N, C-alpha and C. Protein backbone atom coordinates (compact mmCIF):
# COMPACT_ATOMS: atom_id res chain seq x y z
N MET A 1 13.35 6.84 13.70
CA MET A 1 14.12 5.57 14.19
C MET A 1 13.01 4.66 13.78
N LEU A 2 13.37 3.55 13.14
CA LEU A 2 12.59 2.31 12.91
C LEU A 2 13.07 1.22 13.77
N ALA A 3 12.20 0.57 14.41
CA ALA A 3 12.33 -0.65 15.27
C ALA A 3 11.32 -1.72 14.87
N GLY A 4 11.79 -2.88 14.71
CA GLY A 4 10.97 -4.01 14.17
C GLY A 4 11.03 -5.34 15.13
N ALA A 5 10.23 -6.19 14.68
CA ALA A 5 10.20 -7.55 15.75
C ALA A 5 9.31 -8.18 14.62
N GLY A 6 9.69 -9.65 14.86
CA GLY A 6 8.84 -10.75 14.08
C GLY A 6 9.78 -11.37 13.05
N GLU A 7 9.38 -12.64 12.62
CA GLU A 7 10.04 -13.07 11.74
C GLU A 7 9.01 -13.90 10.66
N GLY A 8 9.50 -14.08 9.61
CA GLY A 8 8.53 -14.92 8.73
C GLY A 8 7.38 -14.11 8.13
N ALA A 9 6.11 -14.78 8.22
CA ALA A 9 5.07 -14.17 7.42
C ALA A 9 4.57 -12.89 8.21
N LEU A 10 4.74 -12.91 9.72
CA LEU A 10 3.99 -11.70 10.37
C LEU A 10 5.14 -10.77 10.89
N ARG A 11 5.15 -9.61 10.77
CA ARG A 11 6.20 -8.66 11.19
C ARG A 11 5.45 -7.52 11.86
N ARG A 12 6.05 -7.09 12.82
CA ARG A 12 5.62 -5.62 13.38
C ARG A 12 6.91 -4.73 13.36
N TRP A 13 6.47 -3.42 13.13
CA TRP A 13 7.73 -2.57 13.24
C TRP A 13 7.04 -1.06 13.69
N ALA A 14 7.82 -0.18 14.15
CA ALA A 14 7.48 0.99 14.62
C ALA A 14 8.39 2.18 14.13
N LEU A 15 7.82 3.24 13.85
CA LEU A 15 8.58 4.51 13.35
C LEU A 15 8.22 5.52 14.71
N VAL A 16 9.28 6.18 15.22
CA VAL A 16 9.43 6.85 16.34
C VAL A 16 9.94 8.29 15.92
N VAL A 17 9.16 9.53 16.44
CA VAL A 17 9.75 10.55 16.28
C VAL A 17 10.07 11.06 17.52
N GLU A 18 11.34 11.76 17.52
CA GLU A 18 12.12 12.12 18.87
C GLU A 18 12.44 13.49 18.52
N ALA A 19 12.33 14.27 19.69
CA ALA A 19 12.81 15.62 19.85
C ALA A 19 13.34 15.88 21.50
N ASP A 20 14.49 16.52 21.52
CA ASP A 20 14.82 16.66 22.88
C ASP A 20 15.17 15.37 23.84
N HIS A 21 15.58 14.25 23.03
CA HIS A 21 15.67 13.04 23.67
C HIS A 21 14.45 12.56 24.36
N GLU A 22 13.33 12.94 23.56
CA GLU A 22 11.74 12.51 24.23
C GLU A 22 11.22 11.99 22.95
N ILE A 23 10.39 11.07 23.11
CA ILE A 23 9.47 10.55 22.22
C ILE A 23 8.27 11.30 21.99
N CYS A 24 8.18 11.93 20.82
CA CYS A 24 6.95 12.69 20.52
C CYS A 24 5.66 11.99 19.74
N GLY A 25 5.83 10.89 19.13
CA GLY A 25 5.21 10.32 18.45
C GLY A 25 5.52 9.08 17.80
N PHE A 26 4.65 8.10 17.43
CA PHE A 26 4.98 7.06 16.90
C PHE A 26 3.95 6.32 16.00
N VAL A 27 4.15 5.54 15.17
CA VAL A 27 3.32 4.53 14.18
C VAL A 27 3.66 3.17 14.49
N VAL A 28 2.81 2.10 14.71
CA VAL A 28 3.10 0.76 14.95
C VAL A 28 2.31 0.03 13.51
N VAL A 29 2.96 -0.64 12.76
CA VAL A 29 2.48 -1.32 11.74
C VAL A 29 2.90 -2.69 11.72
N LYS A 30 1.65 -3.59 11.27
CA LYS A 30 1.84 -5.04 11.19
C LYS A 30 1.72 -5.50 9.73
N THR A 31 2.79 -6.23 9.25
CA THR A 31 2.60 -6.65 7.77
C THR A 31 2.34 -8.18 7.92
N LEU A 32 1.90 -8.75 6.87
CA LEU A 32 1.73 -10.15 6.74
C LEU A 32 1.88 -10.77 5.36
N ASP A 33 2.60 -11.57 5.04
CA ASP A 33 3.08 -12.12 3.90
C ASP A 33 2.24 -13.31 3.78
N SER A 34 1.13 -13.44 2.90
CA SER A 34 0.40 -14.68 2.80
C SER A 34 0.73 -15.23 1.49
N GLY A 35 1.48 -15.93 1.22
CA GLY A 35 2.09 -16.72 0.11
C GLY A 35 2.44 -15.58 -1.12
N GLY A 36 3.18 -14.47 -0.61
CA GLY A 36 3.61 -13.70 -1.56
C GLY A 36 2.98 -12.33 -1.99
N GLU A 37 1.52 -12.30 -1.28
CA GLU A 37 0.75 -11.19 -1.18
C GLU A 37 1.04 -10.38 0.18
N MET A 38 1.21 -9.19 0.11
CA MET A 38 1.64 -8.63 1.33
C MET A 38 0.49 -7.76 1.79
N ALA A 39 0.05 -7.95 3.25
CA ALA A 39 -0.99 -7.20 3.65
C ALA A 39 -0.41 -6.14 4.88
N ALA A 40 -1.09 -5.32 5.19
CA ALA A 40 -0.59 -4.31 6.19
C ALA A 40 -1.74 -3.89 7.06
N GLU A 41 -1.48 -3.32 8.20
CA GLU A 41 -2.50 -2.85 9.20
C GLU A 41 -1.84 -1.64 10.14
N ILE A 42 -2.10 -0.50 10.17
CA ILE A 42 -1.61 0.43 11.07
C ILE A 42 -2.22 0.01 12.30
N GLU A 43 -1.57 -0.30 13.30
CA GLU A 43 -2.19 -0.78 14.61
C GLU A 43 -2.29 0.24 15.52
N ASN A 44 -1.48 1.32 15.33
CA ASN A 44 -1.51 2.52 16.43
C ASN A 44 -0.74 3.65 15.88
N LEU A 45 -1.26 4.95 15.93
CA LEU A 45 -0.42 5.96 15.73
C LEU A 45 -0.82 6.94 16.77
N ALA A 46 0.44 7.60 17.23
CA ALA A 46 0.10 8.76 18.44
C ALA A 46 0.86 9.62 18.58
N VAL A 47 0.57 10.96 18.86
CA VAL A 47 1.35 11.95 18.99
C VAL A 47 1.20 12.64 20.44
N LYS A 48 2.28 12.85 21.03
CA LYS A 48 2.03 13.56 22.49
C LYS A 48 1.38 14.83 22.42
N LEU A 49 0.37 15.02 23.21
CA LEU A 49 -0.40 16.37 23.14
C LEU A 49 0.33 17.56 23.02
N ALA A 50 1.54 17.77 23.68
CA ALA A 50 2.30 18.98 23.44
C ALA A 50 2.84 19.19 22.17
N ALA A 51 3.03 17.96 21.39
CA ALA A 51 3.69 18.02 20.08
C ALA A 51 2.49 17.89 18.88
N ARG A 52 1.26 17.91 19.22
CA ARG A 52 0.35 18.06 18.07
C ARG A 52 0.18 19.34 17.30
N ARG A 53 -0.46 19.16 16.35
CA ARG A 53 -0.65 20.58 15.43
C ARG A 53 0.58 20.94 14.50
N ARG A 54 1.89 19.93 14.51
CA ARG A 54 2.92 20.23 13.80
C ARG A 54 3.10 19.37 12.65
N GLY A 55 2.09 18.60 12.28
CA GLY A 55 2.34 17.55 11.10
C GLY A 55 2.95 16.39 11.40
N LEU A 56 3.25 16.02 12.44
CA LEU A 56 4.06 14.69 12.84
C LEU A 56 3.50 13.48 12.49
N ALA A 57 2.01 13.55 12.88
CA ALA A 57 1.02 12.40 12.38
C ALA A 57 1.12 12.12 10.91
N ARG A 58 0.98 13.17 10.12
CA ARG A 58 0.93 13.23 8.72
C ARG A 58 2.30 12.80 8.29
N LYS A 59 3.41 13.13 8.79
CA LYS A 59 4.84 12.50 8.46
C LYS A 59 4.82 11.13 8.82
N LEU A 60 4.48 10.70 9.87
CA LEU A 60 4.40 9.34 10.19
C LEU A 60 3.78 8.55 9.15
N CYS A 61 2.61 8.91 8.89
CA CYS A 61 1.75 8.23 7.97
C CYS A 61 2.39 8.34 6.53
N GLY A 62 2.95 9.38 6.12
CA GLY A 62 3.60 9.15 4.84
C GLY A 62 5.04 8.42 5.01
N GLU A 63 5.87 8.58 5.92
CA GLU A 63 6.79 7.67 5.87
C GLU A 63 6.41 5.97 6.10
N ALA A 64 5.45 5.88 6.87
CA ALA A 64 4.94 4.57 6.91
C ALA A 64 4.50 3.77 5.69
N GLU A 65 3.81 4.77 4.63
CA GLU A 65 3.33 4.40 3.60
C GLU A 65 4.47 4.08 2.48
N ARG A 66 5.56 5.09 2.72
CA ARG A 66 6.88 4.84 1.75
C ARG A 66 7.44 3.54 1.99
N GLN A 67 7.59 3.30 3.40
CA GLN A 67 8.11 1.86 3.62
C GLN A 67 7.50 0.77 3.31
N LEU A 68 5.99 0.83 3.34
CA LEU A 68 5.18 -0.19 2.86
C LEU A 68 5.16 -0.41 1.43
N ARG A 69 5.34 0.59 0.71
CA ARG A 69 5.35 0.47 -0.61
C ARG A 69 6.63 -0.24 -1.17
N GLU A 70 7.79 0.28 -0.50
CA GLU A 70 8.94 -0.30 -0.73
C GLU A 70 9.00 -2.13 -0.62
N SER A 71 8.15 -2.17 0.57
CA SER A 71 8.12 -3.77 1.08
C SER A 71 7.07 -4.43 0.07
N GLY A 72 6.32 -3.95 -0.79
CA GLY A 72 5.58 -4.48 -1.77
C GLY A 72 4.10 -4.54 -1.33
N VAL A 73 3.82 -3.83 -0.34
CA VAL A 73 2.37 -3.69 0.01
C VAL A 73 1.60 -2.96 -0.73
N ARG A 74 0.42 -3.44 -1.20
CA ARG A 74 -0.43 -2.57 -2.01
C ARG A 74 -1.81 -2.10 -1.24
N VAL A 75 -2.00 -2.61 -0.25
CA VAL A 75 -3.18 -2.32 0.57
C VAL A 75 -2.84 -2.11 1.98
N VAL A 76 -3.30 -1.02 2.86
CA VAL A 76 -3.22 -0.92 4.19
C VAL A 76 -4.45 -0.56 4.91
N ASP A 77 -4.80 -1.24 5.85
CA ASP A 77 -5.89 -1.05 6.70
C ASP A 77 -5.71 -0.57 7.99
N LEU A 78 -6.74 0.17 8.77
CA LEU A 78 -6.69 0.41 10.08
C LEU A 78 -8.01 0.66 10.76
N GLU A 79 -8.48 0.69 11.80
CA GLU A 79 -9.43 0.99 12.59
C GLU A 79 -9.46 2.36 13.33
N VAL A 80 -10.24 2.89 13.68
CA VAL A 80 -10.51 4.10 14.54
C VAL A 80 -11.64 4.12 15.34
N ARG A 81 -11.52 4.84 16.32
CA ARG A 81 -12.91 5.13 17.13
C ARG A 81 -13.72 6.09 16.29
N GLU A 82 -15.14 5.79 16.33
CA GLU A 82 -15.89 6.55 15.59
C GLU A 82 -16.03 7.92 16.00
N SER A 83 -15.65 8.34 17.33
CA SER A 83 -15.64 9.66 18.04
C SER A 83 -14.61 10.44 17.54
N ASN A 84 -13.42 9.82 16.97
CA ASN A 84 -12.20 10.46 17.01
C ASN A 84 -12.00 10.97 15.44
N VAL A 85 -12.79 12.39 15.44
CA VAL A 85 -12.91 13.04 14.21
C VAL A 85 -11.52 13.53 13.70
N ALA A 86 -10.62 13.87 14.53
CA ALA A 86 -9.23 14.56 14.24
C ALA A 86 -8.36 13.46 13.40
N ALA A 87 -8.41 12.37 14.01
CA ALA A 87 -7.86 10.93 13.26
C ALA A 87 -8.41 10.64 11.92
N ARG A 88 -9.78 10.50 12.12
CA ARG A 88 -10.52 10.13 10.80
C ARG A 88 -10.32 11.29 9.73
N GLY A 89 -10.11 12.53 10.03
CA GLY A 89 -9.89 13.52 9.00
C GLY A 89 -8.44 13.40 8.50
N LEU A 90 -7.66 13.05 9.50
CA LEU A 90 -6.10 12.77 9.00
C LEU A 90 -6.20 11.71 8.26
N TYR A 91 -6.69 10.42 8.40
CA TYR A 91 -6.58 9.42 7.65
C TYR A 91 -7.39 9.65 6.17
N ALA A 92 -8.43 10.35 6.32
CA ALA A 92 -9.22 10.56 4.91
C ALA A 92 -8.04 11.53 4.11
N GLU A 93 -7.67 12.60 4.76
CA GLU A 93 -6.72 13.57 3.96
C GLU A 93 -5.70 12.66 3.47
N ALA A 94 -5.09 11.35 4.09
CA ALA A 94 -3.96 10.70 3.50
C ALA A 94 -4.46 9.62 2.56
N GLY A 95 -5.67 9.67 2.24
CA GLY A 95 -6.21 8.84 1.04
C GLY A 95 -6.96 7.49 1.68
N PHE A 96 -7.25 7.51 2.91
CA PHE A 96 -7.91 6.20 3.37
C PHE A 96 -9.17 6.46 3.40
N ARG A 97 -10.24 5.55 2.93
CA ARG A 97 -11.61 5.58 2.75
C ARG A 97 -12.29 4.58 3.82
N GLU A 98 -13.52 4.76 4.14
CA GLU A 98 -14.23 4.13 5.10
C GLU A 98 -14.65 2.68 4.30
N VAL A 99 -14.50 1.46 4.96
CA VAL A 99 -14.85 0.46 4.07
C VAL A 99 -15.95 -0.47 5.18
N GLY A 100 -16.08 -0.01 6.33
CA GLY A 100 -16.90 -0.87 7.17
C GLY A 100 -16.86 -0.47 8.77
N ARG A 101 -17.58 -1.19 9.53
CA ARG A 101 -17.56 -0.96 10.94
C ARG A 101 -17.45 -2.18 11.65
N ARG A 102 -17.06 -2.03 12.85
CA ARG A 102 -17.27 -2.96 13.93
C ARG A 102 -17.86 -2.41 15.15
N VAL A 103 -19.22 -2.82 15.02
CA VAL A 103 -20.27 -2.47 15.83
C VAL A 103 -20.01 -2.66 17.61
N LYS A 104 -19.89 -1.72 18.17
CA LYS A 104 -19.55 -1.71 19.42
C LYS A 104 -18.16 -2.36 19.97
N TYR A 105 -17.40 -2.16 19.17
CA TYR A 105 -16.07 -2.59 19.20
C TYR A 105 -15.09 -2.09 20.61
N TYR A 106 -15.35 -0.79 20.77
CA TYR A 106 -14.79 -0.23 22.03
C TYR A 106 -15.46 -0.08 23.23
N ALA A 107 -15.02 -0.11 24.24
CA ALA A 107 -15.72 0.00 25.50
C ALA A 107 -15.13 1.26 26.11
N SER A 108 -15.69 1.91 27.14
CA SER A 108 -15.44 2.89 28.03
C SER A 108 -15.14 4.31 27.21
N PRO A 109 -15.90 4.91 26.34
CA PRO A 109 -17.38 4.59 26.02
C PRO A 109 -17.44 3.69 25.17
N CYS A 110 -18.74 2.74 25.03
CA CYS A 110 -18.95 1.91 23.93
C CYS A 110 -19.08 2.60 22.64
N GLU A 111 -18.68 2.43 21.55
CA GLU A 111 -18.71 2.93 20.31
C GLU A 111 -18.21 2.01 19.15
N ASP A 112 -18.55 2.41 17.97
CA ASP A 112 -18.27 1.55 16.73
C ASP A 112 -16.59 1.85 16.54
N GLY A 113 -15.87 0.81 15.90
CA GLY A 113 -14.72 1.17 15.35
C GLY A 113 -14.94 1.29 13.67
N VAL A 114 -14.32 2.24 13.26
CA VAL A 114 -14.50 2.47 11.79
C VAL A 114 -13.28 1.83 11.10
N LEU A 115 -13.57 1.22 10.17
CA LEU A 115 -12.47 0.48 9.37
C LEU A 115 -12.08 1.43 8.15
N MET A 116 -10.93 1.34 7.88
CA MET A 116 -10.61 2.35 6.75
C MET A 116 -9.54 1.63 5.95
N ARG A 117 -9.26 1.97 4.62
CA ARG A 117 -8.35 1.35 3.98
C ARG A 117 -7.87 2.18 2.79
N LYS A 118 -6.50 1.99 2.49
CA LYS A 118 -5.94 2.78 1.40
C LYS A 118 -5.12 1.93 0.40
N GLU A 119 -5.52 2.06 -0.77
CA GLU A 119 -4.37 1.27 -1.79
C GLU A 119 -3.41 2.02 -2.14
N ILE A 120 -2.24 1.47 -2.12
CA ILE A 120 -0.93 2.08 -2.28
C ILE A 120 -0.55 1.96 -3.64
N ALA A 121 -0.26 3.23 -4.20
CA ALA A 121 0.17 2.97 -5.84
C ALA A 121 1.37 2.63 -5.77
N VAL A 122 1.73 1.95 -6.86
CA VAL A 122 2.94 1.35 -7.31
C VAL A 122 3.78 2.60 -7.63
N ALA A 123 5.16 2.65 -7.15
CA ALA A 123 5.84 3.87 -7.44
C ALA A 123 6.41 3.90 -8.72
């Protein structure tokens, strides 16, 4: 399911995975059109604990990338907690690479945010 909000240059949308009338996972993406050049950021990706290890996060990333490509986006960014090894591995497997850090970005516990980026190939 695709749900979206926003008009003009800034837009947010979400992809949701459902099973048995229950949300199992989602990805939220923000896009920005700055004078014809599209930029995107994955703001959040989550899969319910009971639904993990089934490839849902990988599928959500893949579908988000497909839709971004169709929208003309060529680069997508995200940031993730330094300690979230599973998410960092998923993103690296999907082609994201580390491009920077936000020092002490997160609280409780205090830790860095790892900035990652992927260039989306033209189909």
